[in-house]
Amino acid sequence: MKTRAAVLQRLEAPSPYADSKPLVVEELDLDEPHAGELLVRVAAAGLCHSDLSVINGARPRPVPMALGHEAAGVVERVGAGVTDVAEGDHVVLTFVPSCGQCDRCSSGNPAMCRPAAAANGAGRMLSGGQRFARTDGTPVYQHLGVSAFSQHTIVARGSAVVVDKDIPLDTAVLVGCGVLTGAGAVLNTGGVRPGDSVAVIGLGGVGLSAIMGAALANATPLIAVDPVQAKRDLALELGATAAFAPDEAEQGIKDLTGGGADFVIECVGIPAVMEQAYRCTGPAGTTIYVGLPHPSKQLTIPALSVIAEGRSVRGSYMGSAAPQRDVPRLLKLWRAGRLPLEKLRAGTLELDSVNEAMDTLHGGETVRQLLLPNGQGALAAG
């Protein structure tokens, strides 16, 4: 079949992206779903800094690549061997297509699935190869097994979580990456308990989701840090008890927590900010790194303090989540009015506006823009 998709032509494209057009919307051939795969009509796809990190070369990937990794849509066809998903099911797509069989999956850590990590790094499907191709037969690489900036996509069964059909797809999509990652860093990686002090540095979609997760856990004080006033205001609306600009953050956090927070969640991925997050963490506290730095960057922290102050430093990828468990749980919390996902949405755009949307994302003023590859009608018809 044919599909229109946003294809990344090259890495390290300069901004403004709308002028340089690193993403070109073009018609591609899309293969049938292989065994263990699904054909999904994409209703909504979130724009995330991880997409931007591929474009600017911070997360090197093979090109040409059909970009996008946070999505929700409707299953239109199932491949051989898929018995627990049916045509017409609504699904949230997640960016680690866990195999369910490796040592990490079987020990309850599907975010660290070994075969999925290898497939994602190579830009191929979990079962091998690509499903997108240009009309001349040139293969187009998959982005994290999802390639959501497309009218249709093929995903492994392990990338899809079936959700209730009455949940709006432009709400469900937010749980596929940003909320799963941010709230998961607090609830899964950190195991934050009531009364723990938490600071979140960087208030994009992931950081604001961490604020919501910490509010769910009844953390106090709950401190938000970002250079953008509007994002700090939104964090306060979502449950933060204090908010600081970066130049005020270190002293402000220490004053409010008596020397440093129990947990500091860093959602930026810049070494200087990662080091600031460590300084904002108190003795016996835990610094959790969520933001993805360029692979060439190094992190420097005082070695003695790790031992003498009983510090912990942890990485959190996809919020240490088990998507088949956590996506439904998060949506139950949304239903109960305890997870106001709609407050993260920052408008919808058509697929042809993808480069302009990347400019807006790069500018840092927005939270979660949604691309609608099949237009507004796909949300209503979902």
Protein backbone atom coordinates (compact mmCIF):
# COMPACT_ATOMS: atom_id res chain seq x y z
CA MET A 1 0.00 0.00 0.00
CA LYS A 2 0.95 3.68 -0.20
CA THR A 3 1.37 6.08 2.71
CA ARG A 4 2.49 9.67 3.14
CA ALA A 5 5.27 10.01 5.70
CA ALA A 6 7.78 12.57 6.97
CA VAL A 7 11.23 11.24 6.04
CA LEU A 8 14.44 12.53 7.59
CA GLN A 9 17.00 13.16 4.84
CA ARG A 10 20.13 13.95 6.86
CA LEU A 11 21.44 14.40 10.38
CA GLU A 12 22.68 17.60 12.04
CA ALA A 13 20.29 19.80 10.12
CA PRO A 14 20.45 23.44 11.22
CA SER A 15 17.49 25.35 12.65
CA PRO A 16 15.23 26.92 11.46
CA TYR A 17 14.12 23.51 10.31
CA ALA A 18 11.28 24.99 8.26
CA ASP A 19 13.90 26.62 6.02
CA SER A 20 16.35 23.73 5.84
CA LYS A 21 13.57 21.11 5.51
CA PRO A 22 15.40 18.08 6.94
CA LEU A 23 12.03 16.29 6.89
CA VAL A 24 10.36 15.79 3.54
CA VAL A 25 6.79 14.53 3.36
CA GLU A 26 6.68 12.00 0.55
CA GLU A 27 4.68 9.03 -0.64
CA LEU A 28 6.22 5.71 0.35
CA ASP A 29 5.45 2.08 -0.26
CA LEU A 30 4.45 0.24 2.90
CA ASP A 31 4.74 -3.53 3.13
CA GLU A 32 2.12 -5.84 4.57
CA PRO A 33 2.52 -6.70 8.27
CA HIS A 34 4.78 -9.69 8.74
CA ALA A 35 4.19 -12.40 11.34
CA GLY A 36 3.79 -10.83 14.78
CA GLU A 37 3.14 -7.33 13.38
CA LEU A 38 0.26 -4.87 13.03
CA LEU A 39 -0.77 -2.34 10.41
CA VAL A 40 -1.91 0.82 12.23
CA ARG A 41 -3.63 3.93 10.90
CA VAL A 42 -2.01 6.73 12.87
CA ALA A 43 -4.53 9.15 14.38
CA ALA A 44 -2.10 11.33 16.37
CA ALA A 45 1.65 11.51 16.82
CA GLY A 46 3.41 13.55 19.51
CA LEU A 47 6.46 15.67 18.74
CA CYS A 48 9.14 14.91 21.31
CA HIS A 49 12.69 16.15 21.89
CA SER A 50 13.89 12.64 21.06
CA ASP A 51 12.74 13.31 17.47
CA LEU A 52 14.64 16.59 17.52
CA SER A 53 17.71 14.77 18.88
CA VAL A 54 17.75 12.56 15.79
CA ILE A 55 17.44 15.53 13.45
CA ASN A 56 20.29 17.48 15.07
CA GLY A 57 22.56 14.44 15.36
CA ALA A 58 22.50 14.07 19.15
CA ARG A 59 20.96 10.60 18.68
CA PRO A 60 22.66 9.31 15.51
CA ARG A 61 20.41 7.08 13.40
CA PRO A 62 20.62 5.76 9.84
CA VAL A 63 18.90 7.80 7.12
CA PRO A 64 16.62 8.10 5.26
CA MET A 65 14.32 7.42 8.21
CA ALA A 66 10.56 7.73 8.68
CA LEU A 67 10.56 9.69 11.92
CA GLY A 68 8.21 9.75 14.93
CA HIS A 69 7.94 7.48 17.96
CA GLU A 70 4.95 8.57 20.11
CA ALA A 71 1.58 7.65 18.61
CA ALA A 72 -1.94 6.33 18.94
CA GLY A 73 -4.10 4.88 16.23
CA VAL A 74 -6.39 2.15 15.00
CA VAL A 75 -5.37 -1.36 13.95
CA GLU A 76 -6.32 -2.07 10.34
CA ARG A 77 -4.65 -5.44 9.82
CA VAL A 78 -2.90 -8.08 11.92
CA GLY A 79 -0.06 -10.33 10.84
CA ALA A 80 0.16 -14.07 11.24
CA GLY A 81 0.37 -15.31 14.81
CA VAL A 82 -1.24 -12.24 16.42
CA THR A 83 -4.25 -13.53 18.35
CA ASP A 84 -4.76 -10.92 21.10
CA VAL A 85 -5.23 -7.83 18.90
CA ALA A 86 -8.02 -7.42 16.34
CA GLU A 87 -8.81 -5.07 13.47
CA GLY A 88 -10.49 -1.96 14.84
CA ASP A 89 -8.67 -2.05 18.18
CA HIS A 90 -7.31 1.26 19.45
CA VAL A 91 -3.65 1.18 20.39
CA VAL A 92 -0.99 3.34 21.99
CA LEU A 93 2.42 2.75 20.41
CA THR A 94 5.58 2.66 22.52
CA PHE A 95 9.15 2.98 21.33
CA VAL A 96 10.67 -0.21 22.77
CA PRO A 97 9.14 -3.18 20.89
CA SER A 98 9.88 -5.62 23.70
CA CYS A 99 10.39 -9.20 22.60
CA GLY A 100 9.00 -10.66 25.83
CA GLN A 101 11.58 -13.45 25.85
CA CYS A 102 15.07 -12.07 26.55
CA ASP A 103 16.52 -12.02 30.06
CA ARG A 104 15.54 -8.38 30.60
CA CYS A 105 11.96 -8.79 29.42
CA SER A 106 11.46 -11.98 31.40
CA SER A 107 12.81 -10.33 34.56
CA GLY A 108 10.25 -7.53 34.34
CA ASN A 109 12.38 -4.87 32.63
CA PRO A 110 11.03 -4.67 29.05
CA ALA A 111 12.34 -1.10 28.61
CA MET A 112 15.82 -2.65 28.48
CA CYS A 113 14.90 -5.41 25.97
CA ARG A 114 18.12 -6.51 24.25
CA PRO A 115 16.72 -7.39 20.79
CA ALA A 116 14.64 -4.18 20.79
CA ALA A 117 17.69 -2.03 21.58
CA ALA A 118 19.61 -3.62 18.70
CA ALA A 119 16.71 -3.19 16.28
CA ASN A 120 16.07 0.44 17.27
CA GLY A 121 19.72 1.38 16.90
CA ALA A 122 19.85 -0.16 13.42
CA GLY A 123 16.56 1.40 12.29
CA ARG A 124 14.92 -1.94 11.58
CA MET A 125 11.93 -3.90 12.76
CA LEU A 126 12.21 -6.30 15.69
CA SER A 127 11.86 -9.23 13.29
CA GLY A 128 14.34 -7.70 10.84
CA GLY A 129 14.34 -5.37 7.86
CA GLN A 130 12.25 -2.32 7.06
CA ARG A 131 8.62 -2.02 5.99
CA PHE A 132 8.86 1.42 4.34
CA ALA A 133 10.49 1.99 0.96
CA ARG A 134 10.70 4.75 -1.61
CA THR A 135 9.04 4.15 -4.95
CA ASP A 136 12.42 3.27 -6.47
CA GLY A 137 12.81 0.47 -3.92
CA THR A 138 15.24 2.27 -1.59
CA PRO A 139 14.54 1.10 1.98
CA VAL A 140 13.51 3.76 4.51
CA TYR A 141 14.61 3.05 8.08
CA GLN A 142 12.17 2.67 10.97
CA HIS A 143 12.33 5.09 13.91
CA LEU A 144 12.28 3.17 17.19
CA GLY A 145 10.02 0.57 15.65
CA VAL A 146 7.17 3.08 15.30
CA SER A 147 7.74 5.69 12.52
CA ALA A 148 4.68 7.61 13.63
CA PHE A 149 4.90 10.62 11.29
CA SER A 150 3.03 8.63 8.67
CA GLN A 151 -0.57 8.01 7.70
CA HIS A 152 -0.01 4.29 8.29
CA THR A 153 2.78 2.33 9.92
CA ILE A 154 3.78 -1.24 10.70
CA VAL A 155 4.74 -2.09 14.28
CA ALA A 156 5.68 -5.20 16.20
CA ARG A 157 2.96 -6.55 18.48
CA GLY A 158 5.26 -5.69 21.40
CA SER A 159 5.10 -1.99 20.47
CA ALA A 160 1.32 -1.77 20.83
CA VAL A 161 -0.85 -1.48 23.93
CA VAL A 162 -4.59 -1.94 23.36
CA VAL A 163 -6.66 0.79 25.07
CA ASP A 164 -10.38 1.41 25.57
CA LYS A 165 -12.08 2.85 22.50
CA ASP A 166 -13.81 5.64 24.42
CA ILE A 167 -10.47 7.26 25.33
CA PRO A 168 -9.77 10.11 22.87
CA LEU A 169 -6.78 9.16 20.74
CA ASP A 170 -5.30 12.66 21.08
CA THR A 171 -5.24 12.04 24.84
CA ALA A 172 -4.07 8.43 24.74
CA VAL A 173 -1.11 9.36 22.51
CA LEU A 174 0.53 11.35 25.32
CA VAL A 175 1.06 8.21 27.37
CA GLY A 176 3.13 6.52 24.64
CA CYS A 177 6.36 8.33 25.48
CA GLY A 178 6.25 11.58 27.45
CA VAL A 179 4.01 10.57 30.33
CA LEU A 180 5.30 7.00 30.44
CA THR A 181 8.86 8.35 30.66
CA GLY A 182 8.35 11.27 33.05
CA ALA A 183 5.85 9.79 35.48
CA GLY A 184 7.68 6.47 35.27
CA ALA A 185 10.97 8.07 36.32
CA VAL A 186 9.27 9.15 39.54
CA LEU A 187 7.03 6.16 40.24
CA ASN A 188 9.05 3.26 38.80
CA THR A 189 12.71 4.30 38.78
CA GLY A 190 12.58 6.42 41.92
CA GLY A 191 9.80 4.75 43.86
CA VAL A 192 8.98 8.13 45.38
CA ARG A 193 6.90 7.92 48.57
CA PRO A 194 4.56 10.40 50.28
CA GLY A 195 6.54 13.17 51.95
CA ASP A 196 9.68 12.72 49.84
CA SER A 197 11.03 15.98 48.45
CA VAL A 198 11.32 16.06 44.66
CA ALA A 199 12.78 18.57 42.20
CA VAL A 200 12.24 18.31 38.44
CA ILE A 201 14.64 20.16 36.14
CA GLY A 202 13.39 20.77 32.60
CA LEU A 203 9.67 21.17 31.99
CA GLY A 204 8.99 19.80 28.55
CA GLY A 205 6.43 17.05 28.12
CA VAL A 206 8.59 14.58 30.05
CA GLY A 207 9.43 16.97 32.90
CA LEU A 208 5.83 18.08 33.35
CA SER A 209 4.82 14.42 33.37
CA ALA A 210 7.37 13.89 36.14
CA ILE A 211 5.67 16.73 38.04
CA MET A 212 2.32 14.95 37.65
CA GLY A 213 3.86 11.66 38.77
CA ALA A 214 5.41 13.26 41.85
CA ALA A 215 2.11 14.94 42.68
CA LEU A 216 0.42 11.51 42.46
CA ALA A 217 3.03 10.20 44.89
CA ASN A 218 2.28 13.09 47.31
CA ALA A 219 5.83 14.39 47.19
CA THR A 220 6.45 17.56 49.20
CA PRO A 221 7.95 19.96 48.55
CA LEU A 222 7.65 19.46 44.79
CA ILE A 223 9.89 21.91 42.98
CA ALA A 224 9.90 22.74 39.25
CA VAL A 225 12.82 24.29 37.35
CA ASP A 226 12.77 25.77 33.84
CA PRO A 227 13.80 29.02 32.14
CA VAL A 228 10.33 29.53 30.63
CA GLN A 229 7.87 31.27 32.94
CA ALA A 230 4.81 29.75 31.25
CA LYS A 231 6.14 26.25 31.86
CA ARG A 232 6.83 27.05 35.50
CA ASP A 233 3.27 28.34 35.82
CA LEU A 234 1.91 25.16 34.26
CA ALA A 235 4.01 23.05 36.65
CA LEU A 236 2.42 24.88 39.59
CA GLU A 237 -0.99 24.17 38.08
CA LEU A 238 -0.08 20.47 37.84
CA GLY A 239 0.94 20.15 41.49
CA ALA A 240 4.36 21.73 42.00
CA THR A 241 4.63 23.68 45.25
CA ALA A 242 7.45 25.97 44.10
CA ALA A 243 9.09 26.89 40.79
CA PHE A 244 12.44 28.50 39.96
CA ALA A 245 14.38 29.73 36.97
CA PRO A 246 17.66 27.78 36.55
CA ASP A 247 19.88 30.50 38.05
CA GLU A 248 17.79 30.50 41.25
CA ALA A 249 17.22 26.76 41.43
CA GLU A 250 20.17 25.42 43.37
CA GLN A 251 19.82 27.77 46.32
CA GLY A 252 16.04 27.65 46.19
CA ILE A 253 15.94 23.84 46.30
CA LYS A 254 18.42 23.68 49.16
CA ASP A 255 16.52 26.30 51.15
CA LEU A 256 13.20 24.47 50.74
CA THR A 257 14.57 20.99 51.47
CA GLY A 258 17.16 21.67 54.15
CA GLY A 259 20.19 20.95 52.00
CA GLY A 260 18.99 19.15 48.89
CA ALA A 261 16.04 17.15 47.58
CA ASP A 262 15.48 13.45 48.21
CA PHE A 263 14.99 13.00 44.46
CA VAL A 264 16.05 15.23 41.59
CA ILE A 265 14.71 14.29 38.14
CA GLU A 266 16.79 15.79 35.32
CA CYS A 267 14.96 15.99 31.97
CA VAL A 268 17.29 18.09 29.82
CA GLY A 269 20.30 15.96 28.86
CA ILE A 270 22.92 18.71 28.95
CA PRO A 271 25.96 17.83 31.11
CA ALA A 272 26.03 21.20 32.91
CA VAL A 273 22.37 20.74 33.87
CA MET A 274 23.01 17.13 34.87
CA GLU A 275 25.78 18.32 37.18
CA GLN A 276 23.49 20.99 38.62
CA ALA A 277 20.88 18.28 39.30
CA TYR A 278 23.46 16.31 41.28
CA ARG A 279 24.33 19.40 43.35
CA CYS A 280 20.63 19.91 44.10
CA THR A 281 20.33 16.39 45.53
CA GLY A 282 20.72 15.98 49.27
CA PRO A 283 22.75 13.42 51.22
CA ALA A 284 21.27 9.91 50.86
CA GLY A 285 19.29 11.28 47.91
CA THR A 286 18.89 10.01 44.36
CA THR A 287 19.61 11.86 41.13
CA ILE A 288 17.65 10.40 38.22
CA TYR A 289 18.78 11.24 34.70
CA VAL A 290 16.10 11.13 32.00
CA GLY A 291 17.31 13.61 29.37
CA LEU A 292 19.42 12.12 26.56
CA PRO A 293 22.82 13.81 26.06
CA HIS A 294 24.92 13.51 22.92
CA PRO A 295 26.89 10.23 23.10
CA SER A 296 30.20 12.14 23.04
CA LYS A 297 29.41 14.09 26.23
CA GLN A 298 30.84 13.26 29.67
CA LEU A 299 29.40 13.82 33.15
CA THR A 300 31.59 14.94 36.06
CA ILE A 301 30.40 14.61 39.65
CA PRO A 302 32.35 14.68 42.96
CA ALA A 303 33.40 11.06 43.47
CA LEU A 304 33.73 11.19 47.26
CA SER A 305 30.19 12.45 47.79
CA VAL A 306 28.72 9.32 46.20
CA ILE A 307 30.17 7.24 49.04
CA ALA A 308 30.49 9.65 51.94
CA GLU A 309 26.97 11.05 51.47
CA GLY A 310 25.35 7.79 50.44
CA ARG A 311 24.23 9.21 47.10
CA SER A 312 22.56 7.28 44.29
CA VAL A 313 22.73 8.12 40.61
CA ARG A 314 20.29 6.37 38.29
CA GLY A 315 19.37 6.47 34.64
CA SER A 316 15.76 6.08 33.61
CA TYR A 317 14.90 4.98 30.08
CA MET A 318 11.21 4.98 29.13
CA GLY A 319 10.50 5.51 32.81
CA SER A 320 11.64 1.96 33.65
CA ALA A 321 8.16 1.09 32.42
CA ALA A 322 6.38 -2.11 31.51
CA PRO A 323 4.02 -0.54 28.91
CA GLN A 324 1.44 -3.34 28.88
CA ARG A 325 1.02 -2.72 32.63
CA ASP A 326 1.70 1.00 32.93
CA VAL A 327 -0.18 2.50 29.96
CA PRO A 328 -3.57 1.18 31.16
CA ARG A 329 -2.75 2.25 34.74
CA LEU A 330 -1.93 5.78 33.68
CA LEU A 331 -5.11 6.03 31.62
CA LYS A 332 -7.14 4.82 34.62
CA LEU A 333 -5.63 7.67 36.61
CA TRP A 334 -6.62 10.07 33.82
CA ARG A 335 -10.19 8.74 33.95
CA ALA A 336 -10.23 9.32 37.71
CA GLY A 337 -9.21 12.95 37.21
CA ARG A 338 -5.83 12.45 38.87
CA LEU A 339 -3.65 12.79 35.76
CA PRO A 340 -4.70 15.87 33.71
CA LEU A 341 -3.11 14.81 30.43
CA GLU A 342 -4.98 17.40 28.35
CA LYS A 343 -2.96 20.19 29.97
CA LEU A 344 0.13 18.93 28.13
CA ARG A 345 -1.36 19.41 24.66
CA ALA A 346 -0.15 22.46 22.79
CA GLY A 347 -2.13 22.30 19.55
CA THR A 348 -2.45 20.10 16.48
CA LEU A 349 -0.82 20.34 13.07
CA GLU A 350 -1.09 18.67 9.71
CA LEU A 351 1.69 16.36 8.53
CA ASP A 352 2.97 18.91 5.98
CA SER A 353 3.76 21.34 8.83
CA VAL A 354 6.27 18.99 10.47
CA ASN A 355 9.35 21.19 9.89
CA GLU A 356 7.60 24.26 11.32
CA ALA A 357 6.56 22.14 14.30
CA MET A 358 10.19 21.15 14.87
CA ASP A 359 11.14 24.84 14.89
CA THR A 360 8.55 25.47 17.58
CA LEU A 361 9.80 22.51 19.59
CA HIS A 362 13.41 23.69 19.25
CA GLY A 363 12.37 27.14 20.53
CA GLY A 364 11.47 25.59 23.88
CA GLU A 365 8.25 27.51 24.45
CA THR A 366 5.81 24.66 23.82
CA VAL A 367 4.99 21.38 25.53
CA ARG A 368 3.36 18.68 23.37
CA GLN A 369 2.35 19.43 19.80
CA LEU A 370 0.45 16.71 17.96
CA LEU A 371 0.74 15.83 14.29
CA LEU A 372 -2.41 14.44 12.71
CA PRO A 373 -1.16 12.45 9.68
CA ASN A 374 -4.72 11.65 8.57
CA GLY A 375 -6.27 14.98 9.59
CA GLN A 376 -8.78 15.90 12.26
CA GLY A 377 -11.25 13.39 10.88
CA ALA A 378 -9.10 10.48 12.03
CA LEU A 379 -9.63 11.51 15.67
CA ALA A 380 -13.39 11.63 15.29
CA ALA A 381 -13.52 8.40 13.28
CA GLY A 382 -11.11 6.56 15.57
